[in-house]
Amino acid sequence: MSGLIESPAQIWLAVEPVDMRRGIDGLSAIVQQRLGYAPCAGAAFIFRNRAGNRLKVLLWDGNGVWLCQRRLHRGSFTWPKASETVFALSQAQWQWLIAGVDWQRLSASSSADWQV
């Protein structure tokens, strides 16, 4: 992630929008019951509202739970239209997502070969 929060081993997006009034307990229940994961396993879980302009991140760091929120003042976050309930993100995709970039259209370039 960045700053105070350590980068989690896995980042999961909940595909369906959630009620942003939910707090740590409500989002943890979604992680367990709908997504089928343990909220305290060290992964980050990303949720969005129906309008797509707000995100909440739920993360257990070993000592406690982080719940962070981000709101866009213009536009919306790019979100997968997957048939699954949860979608895995790479660290690069996460950075593109929070920057407002359409991360689904981007991919890292392959390493170049150079021969003399």
N, C-alpha and C. Protein backbone atom coordinates (compact mmCIF):
# COMPACT_ATOMS: atom_id res chain seq x y z
N MET A 1 0.87 -1.15 0.00
CA MET A 1 0.00 0.00 0.00
C MET A 1 0.92 1.22 0.00
N SER A 2 1.00 1.97 1.06
CA SER A 2 1.98 3.06 1.10
C SER A 2 1.97 3.70 2.48
N GLY A 3 3.05 4.41 2.80
CA GLY A 3 3.10 5.15 4.04
C GLY A 3 3.14 4.28 5.27
N LEU A 4 2.18 4.47 6.16
CA LEU A 4 2.14 3.78 7.44
C LEU A 4 1.77 2.30 7.32
N ILE A 5 1.09 1.95 6.26
CA ILE A 5 0.58 0.59 6.13
C ILE A 5 1.56 -0.23 5.30
N GLU A 6 1.95 -1.40 5.83
CA GLU A 6 2.82 -2.30 5.08
C GLU A 6 2.08 -2.87 3.87
N SER A 7 2.83 -3.20 2.84
CA SER A 7 2.23 -3.80 1.65
C SER A 7 1.78 -5.22 1.96
N PRO A 8 0.51 -5.50 1.75
CA PRO A 8 0.02 -6.86 2.02
C PRO A 8 0.48 -7.82 0.94
N ALA A 9 0.48 -9.09 1.27
CA ALA A 9 0.87 -10.13 0.31
C ALA A 9 -0.16 -10.23 -0.81
N GLN A 10 -1.42 -10.01 -0.49
CA GLN A 10 -2.49 -10.12 -1.47
C GLN A 10 -3.43 -8.93 -1.34
N ILE A 11 -3.98 -8.50 -2.47
CA ILE A 11 -4.97 -7.43 -2.50
C ILE A 11 -6.18 -7.97 -3.24
N TRP A 12 -7.32 -7.93 -2.57
CA TRP A 12 -8.56 -8.46 -3.15
C TRP A 12 -9.59 -7.35 -3.29
N LEU A 13 -10.22 -7.25 -4.45
CA LEU A 13 -11.32 -6.32 -4.68
C LEU A 13 -12.63 -7.08 -4.54
N ALA A 14 -13.53 -6.55 -3.74
CA ALA A 14 -14.89 -7.09 -3.69
C ALA A 14 -15.62 -6.50 -4.89
N VAL A 15 -16.07 -7.33 -5.80
CA VAL A 15 -16.64 -6.86 -7.06
C VAL A 15 -17.94 -6.10 -6.86
N GLU A 16 -18.81 -6.59 -6.00
CA GLU A 16 -20.10 -5.95 -5.75
C GLU A 16 -19.93 -4.72 -4.86
N PRO A 17 -20.66 -3.63 -5.15
CA PRO A 17 -20.58 -2.45 -4.28
C PRO A 17 -21.15 -2.74 -2.89
N VAL A 18 -20.68 -1.98 -1.90
CA VAL A 18 -21.16 -2.15 -0.53
C VAL A 18 -21.64 -0.81 0.01
N ASP A 19 -22.41 -0.87 1.08
CA ASP A 19 -22.87 0.31 1.79
C ASP A 19 -21.68 0.90 2.54
N MET A 20 -21.30 2.12 2.21
CA MET A 20 -20.12 2.74 2.80
C MET A 20 -20.31 3.12 4.27
N ARG A 21 -21.50 2.93 4.80
CA ARG A 21 -21.70 3.16 6.23
C ARG A 21 -21.14 2.01 7.05
N ARG A 22 -20.83 0.91 6.40
CA ARG A 22 -20.26 -0.24 7.11
C ARG A 22 -18.88 0.10 7.64
N GLY A 23 -18.60 -0.39 8.82
CA GLY A 23 -17.30 -0.19 9.45
C GLY A 23 -16.49 -1.47 9.43
N ILE A 24 -15.55 -1.56 10.35
CA ILE A 24 -14.65 -2.72 10.42
C ILE A 24 -15.43 -4.02 10.58
N ASP A 25 -16.35 -4.07 11.51
CA ASP A 25 -17.09 -5.31 11.76
C ASP A 25 -17.97 -5.70 10.58
N GLY A 26 -18.67 -4.73 10.00
CA GLY A 26 -19.54 -5.03 8.86
C GLY A 26 -18.78 -5.49 7.64
N LEU A 27 -17.65 -4.84 7.34
CA LEU A 27 -16.84 -5.24 6.19
C LEU A 27 -16.14 -6.57 6.45
N SER A 28 -15.73 -6.81 7.70
CA SER A 28 -15.12 -8.10 8.04
C SER A 28 -16.13 -9.24 7.84
N ALA A 29 -17.39 -8.98 8.16
CA ALA A 29 -18.44 -9.98 7.95
C ALA A 29 -18.60 -10.28 6.46
N ILE A 30 -18.51 -9.26 5.61
CA ILE A 30 -18.59 -9.47 4.15
C ILE A 30 -17.42 -10.31 3.68
N VAL A 31 -16.23 -10.00 4.19
CA VAL A 31 -15.03 -10.76 3.80
C VAL A 31 -15.22 -12.23 4.14
N GLN A 32 -15.73 -12.51 5.33
CA GLN A 32 -15.90 -13.89 5.78
C GLN A 32 -17.06 -14.60 5.09
N GLN A 33 -18.22 -13.96 5.08
CA GLN A 33 -19.43 -14.64 4.63
C GLN A 33 -19.60 -14.64 3.11
N ARG A 34 -19.35 -13.53 2.46
CA ARG A 34 -19.57 -13.45 1.01
C ARG A 34 -18.34 -13.82 0.19
N LEU A 35 -17.16 -13.38 0.66
CA LEU A 35 -15.95 -13.60 -0.12
C LEU A 35 -15.25 -14.90 0.25
N GLY A 36 -15.51 -15.40 1.46
CA GLY A 36 -14.95 -16.68 1.88
C GLY A 36 -13.50 -16.62 2.35
N TYR A 37 -13.06 -15.47 2.83
CA TYR A 37 -11.69 -15.31 3.32
C TYR A 37 -11.70 -14.94 4.80
N ALA A 38 -10.57 -15.15 5.45
CA ALA A 38 -10.41 -14.73 6.84
C ALA A 38 -9.95 -13.27 6.83
N PRO A 39 -10.66 -12.37 7.48
CA PRO A 39 -10.27 -10.96 7.46
C PRO A 39 -8.93 -10.69 8.14
N CYS A 40 -8.47 -11.62 8.98
CA CYS A 40 -7.21 -11.39 9.71
C CYS A 40 -6.05 -12.19 9.12
N ALA A 41 -6.13 -12.54 7.83
CA ALA A 41 -5.09 -13.35 7.19
C ALA A 41 -3.94 -12.50 6.63
N GLY A 42 -4.06 -11.18 6.72
CA GLY A 42 -2.98 -10.31 6.23
C GLY A 42 -3.19 -9.76 4.84
N ALA A 43 -4.28 -10.13 4.18
CA ALA A 43 -4.58 -9.58 2.85
C ALA A 43 -5.34 -8.27 3.02
N ALA A 44 -5.28 -7.42 1.99
CA ALA A 44 -6.07 -6.19 1.96
C ALA A 44 -7.34 -6.47 1.16
N PHE A 45 -8.45 -5.95 1.63
CA PHE A 45 -9.73 -6.11 0.95
C PHE A 45 -10.24 -4.72 0.59
N ILE A 46 -10.55 -4.54 -0.69
CA ILE A 46 -10.95 -3.23 -1.21
C ILE A 46 -12.43 -3.29 -1.56
N PHE A 47 -13.17 -2.29 -1.09
CA PHE A 47 -14.61 -2.19 -1.34
C PHE A 47 -14.90 -0.84 -1.99
N ARG A 48 -15.98 -0.76 -2.75
CA ARG A 48 -16.39 0.51 -3.33
C ARG A 48 -17.88 0.73 -3.13
N ASN A 49 -18.28 1.98 -3.26
CA ASN A 49 -19.70 2.28 -3.18
C ASN A 49 -20.35 2.11 -4.55
N ARG A 50 -21.66 2.24 -4.62
CA ARG A 50 -22.40 2.03 -5.86
C ARG A 50 -22.00 3.05 -6.93
N ALA A 51 -21.78 4.30 -6.54
CA ALA A 51 -21.39 5.34 -7.50
C ALA A 51 -19.97 5.15 -8.02
N GLY A 52 -19.16 4.41 -7.28
CA GLY A 52 -17.79 4.13 -7.72
C GLY A 52 -16.79 5.24 -7.44
N ASN A 53 -17.18 6.22 -6.63
CA ASN A 53 -16.25 7.31 -6.33
C ASN A 53 -15.63 7.21 -4.93
N ARG A 54 -15.94 6.15 -4.20
CA ARG A 54 -15.36 5.93 -2.87
C ARG A 54 -14.86 4.50 -2.73
N LEU A 55 -13.72 4.39 -2.04
CA LEU A 55 -13.14 3.09 -1.72
C LEU A 55 -12.96 2.99 -0.22
N LYS A 56 -13.04 1.77 0.29
CA LYS A 56 -12.62 1.48 1.65
C LYS A 56 -11.67 0.30 1.58
N VAL A 57 -10.60 0.38 2.37
CA VAL A 57 -9.59 -0.67 2.43
C VAL A 57 -9.59 -1.23 3.84
N LEU A 58 -9.75 -2.53 3.95
CA LEU A 58 -9.72 -3.24 5.24
C LEU A 58 -8.47 -4.10 5.26
N LEU A 59 -7.65 -3.93 6.30
CA LEU A 59 -6.38 -4.65 6.37
C LEU A 59 -6.01 -4.95 7.81
N TRP A 60 -5.72 -6.20 8.10
CA TRP A 60 -5.20 -6.63 9.40
C TRP A 60 -3.69 -6.61 9.31
N ASP A 61 -3.00 -5.90 10.22
CA ASP A 61 -1.54 -5.80 10.15
C ASP A 61 -0.82 -6.62 11.22
N GLY A 62 -1.55 -7.46 11.94
CA GLY A 62 -0.94 -8.29 12.97
C GLY A 62 -1.16 -7.73 14.37
N ASN A 63 -1.42 -6.43 14.46
CA ASN A 63 -1.69 -5.79 15.75
C ASN A 63 -3.10 -5.24 15.86
N GLY A 64 -3.69 -4.98 14.73
CA GLY A 64 -5.02 -4.39 14.69
C GLY A 64 -5.50 -4.29 13.26
N VAL A 65 -6.65 -3.67 13.11
CA VAL A 65 -7.27 -3.56 11.79
C VAL A 65 -7.21 -2.12 11.31
N TRP A 66 -6.79 -1.95 10.06
CA TRP A 66 -6.82 -0.66 9.39
C TRP A 66 -8.10 -0.58 8.57
N LEU A 67 -8.78 0.56 8.62
CA LEU A 67 -9.90 0.84 7.73
C LEU A 67 -9.66 2.23 7.18
N CYS A 68 -9.33 2.30 5.91
CA CYS A 68 -9.01 3.57 5.26
C CYS A 68 -10.04 3.83 4.17
N GLN A 69 -10.31 5.11 3.93
CA GLN A 69 -11.27 5.48 2.90
C GLN A 69 -10.66 6.50 1.95
N ARG A 70 -11.00 6.40 0.67
CA ARG A 70 -10.56 7.38 -0.34
C ARG A 70 -11.79 7.79 -1.14
N ARG A 71 -11.90 9.10 -1.40
CA ARG A 71 -13.02 9.63 -2.17
C ARG A 71 -12.48 10.45 -3.33
N LEU A 72 -13.01 10.20 -4.52
CA LEU A 72 -12.67 11.02 -5.67
C LEU A 72 -13.67 12.17 -5.76
N HIS A 73 -13.18 13.34 -6.07
CA HIS A 73 -14.08 14.49 -6.23
C HIS A 73 -14.62 14.58 -7.65
N ARG A 74 -13.93 13.94 -8.60
CA ARG A 74 -14.38 13.85 -9.98
C ARG A 74 -14.11 12.45 -10.51
N GLY A 75 -15.03 11.93 -11.29
CA GLY A 75 -14.82 10.62 -11.90
C GLY A 75 -15.12 9.48 -10.95
N SER A 76 -14.72 8.29 -11.39
CA SER A 76 -14.94 7.10 -10.57
C SER A 76 -13.79 6.13 -10.77
N PHE A 77 -13.66 5.22 -9.84
CA PHE A 77 -12.62 4.20 -9.90
C PHE A 77 -13.01 3.13 -10.94
N THR A 78 -12.02 2.64 -11.67
CA THR A 78 -12.24 1.55 -12.62
C THR A 78 -12.40 0.26 -11.83
N TRP A 79 -13.46 -0.47 -12.14
CA TRP A 79 -13.78 -1.67 -11.37
C TRP A 79 -14.03 -2.83 -12.31
N PRO A 80 -13.65 -4.03 -11.94
CA PRO A 80 -13.87 -5.18 -12.83
C PRO A 80 -15.35 -5.56 -12.91
N LYS A 81 -15.72 -6.05 -14.05
CA LYS A 81 -17.08 -6.58 -14.24
C LYS A 81 -16.97 -8.10 -14.31
N ALA A 82 -16.39 -8.65 -13.29
CA ALA A 82 -16.12 -10.09 -13.26
C ALA A 82 -17.34 -10.84 -12.76
N SER A 83 -17.39 -12.11 -13.12
CA SER A 83 -18.49 -12.95 -12.64
C SER A 83 -18.22 -13.46 -11.22
N GLU A 84 -16.96 -13.36 -10.78
CA GLU A 84 -16.61 -13.79 -9.42
C GLU A 84 -17.02 -12.70 -8.42
N THR A 85 -17.01 -13.06 -7.15
CA THR A 85 -17.33 -12.08 -6.11
C THR A 85 -16.11 -11.29 -5.68
N VAL A 86 -14.92 -11.82 -6.00
CA VAL A 86 -13.68 -11.17 -5.58
C VAL A 86 -12.67 -11.25 -6.72
N PHE A 87 -11.81 -10.24 -6.81
CA PHE A 87 -10.85 -10.13 -7.91
C PHE A 87 -9.48 -9.79 -7.32
N ALA A 88 -8.44 -10.53 -7.70
CA ALA A 88 -7.09 -10.29 -7.18
C ALA A 88 -6.41 -9.16 -7.96
N LEU A 89 -5.71 -8.29 -7.23
CA LEU A 89 -4.95 -7.18 -7.83
C LEU A 89 -3.48 -7.33 -7.51
N SER A 90 -2.64 -6.92 -8.43
CA SER A 90 -1.20 -6.84 -8.16
C SER A 90 -0.92 -5.49 -7.50
N GLN A 91 0.28 -5.32 -6.98
CA GLN A 91 0.66 -4.04 -6.38
C GLN A 91 0.59 -2.93 -7.43
N ALA A 92 1.05 -3.21 -8.65
CA ALA A 92 1.02 -2.20 -9.73
C ALA A 92 -0.42 -1.82 -10.07
N GLN A 93 -1.31 -2.80 -10.18
CA GLN A 93 -2.71 -2.52 -10.46
C GLN A 93 -3.34 -1.69 -9.35
N TRP A 94 -2.99 -1.98 -8.11
CA TRP A 94 -3.49 -1.20 -6.97
C TRP A 94 -3.06 0.26 -7.10
N GLN A 95 -1.79 0.50 -7.41
CA GLN A 95 -1.30 1.87 -7.56
C GLN A 95 -2.02 2.58 -8.70
N TRP A 96 -2.25 1.88 -9.81
CA TRP A 96 -2.98 2.49 -10.92
C TRP A 96 -4.42 2.77 -10.53
N LEU A 97 -5.05 1.86 -9.81
CA LEU A 97 -6.44 2.04 -9.39
C LEU A 97 -6.60 3.31 -8.57
N ILE A 98 -5.78 3.48 -7.53
CA ILE A 98 -5.95 4.65 -6.66
C ILE A 98 -5.51 5.94 -7.33
N ALA A 99 -4.72 5.83 -8.41
CA ALA A 99 -4.32 7.02 -9.17
C ALA A 99 -5.41 7.43 -10.17
N GLY A 100 -6.45 6.62 -10.29
CA GLY A 100 -7.53 6.94 -11.21
C GLY A 100 -7.29 6.46 -12.63
N VAL A 101 -6.29 5.61 -12.83
CA VAL A 101 -5.95 5.09 -14.15
C VAL A 101 -6.79 3.84 -14.42
N ASP A 102 -7.17 3.64 -15.68
CA ASP A 102 -7.89 2.42 -16.05
C ASP A 102 -6.91 1.26 -16.05
N TRP A 103 -6.70 0.65 -14.92
CA TRP A 103 -5.70 -0.39 -14.73
C TRP A 103 -6.00 -1.66 -15.51
N GLN A 104 -7.24 -1.85 -15.93
CA GLN A 104 -7.59 -3.06 -16.69
C GLN A 104 -7.05 -3.02 -18.11
N ARG A 105 -6.71 -1.84 -18.60
CA ARG A 105 -6.18 -1.70 -19.96
C ARG A 105 -4.66 -1.66 -19.97
N LEU A 106 -4.05 -1.60 -18.81
CA LEU A 106 -2.60 -1.50 -18.73
C LEU A 106 -1.99 -2.84 -18.36
N SER A 107 -0.78 -3.02 -18.80
CA SER A 107 0.00 -4.18 -18.36
C SER A 107 1.45 -3.78 -18.39
N ALA A 108 2.21 -4.40 -17.55
CA ALA A 108 3.64 -4.10 -17.51
C ALA A 108 4.28 -4.59 -18.80
N SER A 109 5.21 -3.81 -19.30
CA SER A 109 5.88 -4.22 -20.53
C SER A 109 6.84 -5.36 -20.22
N SER A 110 7.03 -6.20 -21.21
CA SER A 110 7.97 -7.30 -21.01
C SER A 110 9.39 -6.76 -21.04
N SER A 111 10.28 -7.46 -20.39
CA SER A 111 11.66 -6.99 -20.33
C SER A 111 12.30 -7.08 -21.71
N ALA A 112 13.11 -6.09 -22.02
CA ALA A 112 13.74 -6.01 -23.34
C ALA A 112 14.99 -6.88 -23.38
N ASP A 113 15.23 -7.45 -24.52
CA ASP A 113 16.46 -8.21 -24.75
C ASP A 113 17.38 -7.35 -25.61
N TRP A 114 18.65 -7.39 -25.31
CA TRP A 114 19.61 -6.62 -26.07
C TRP A 114 20.76 -7.51 -26.45
N GLN A 115 21.06 -7.51 -27.68
CA GLN A 115 22.16 -8.33 -28.17
C GLN A 115 23.10 -7.47 -28.99
N VAL A 116 24.38 -7.77 -28.91
CA VAL A 116 25.39 -7.04 -29.68
C VAL A 116 25.88 -7.91 -30.80
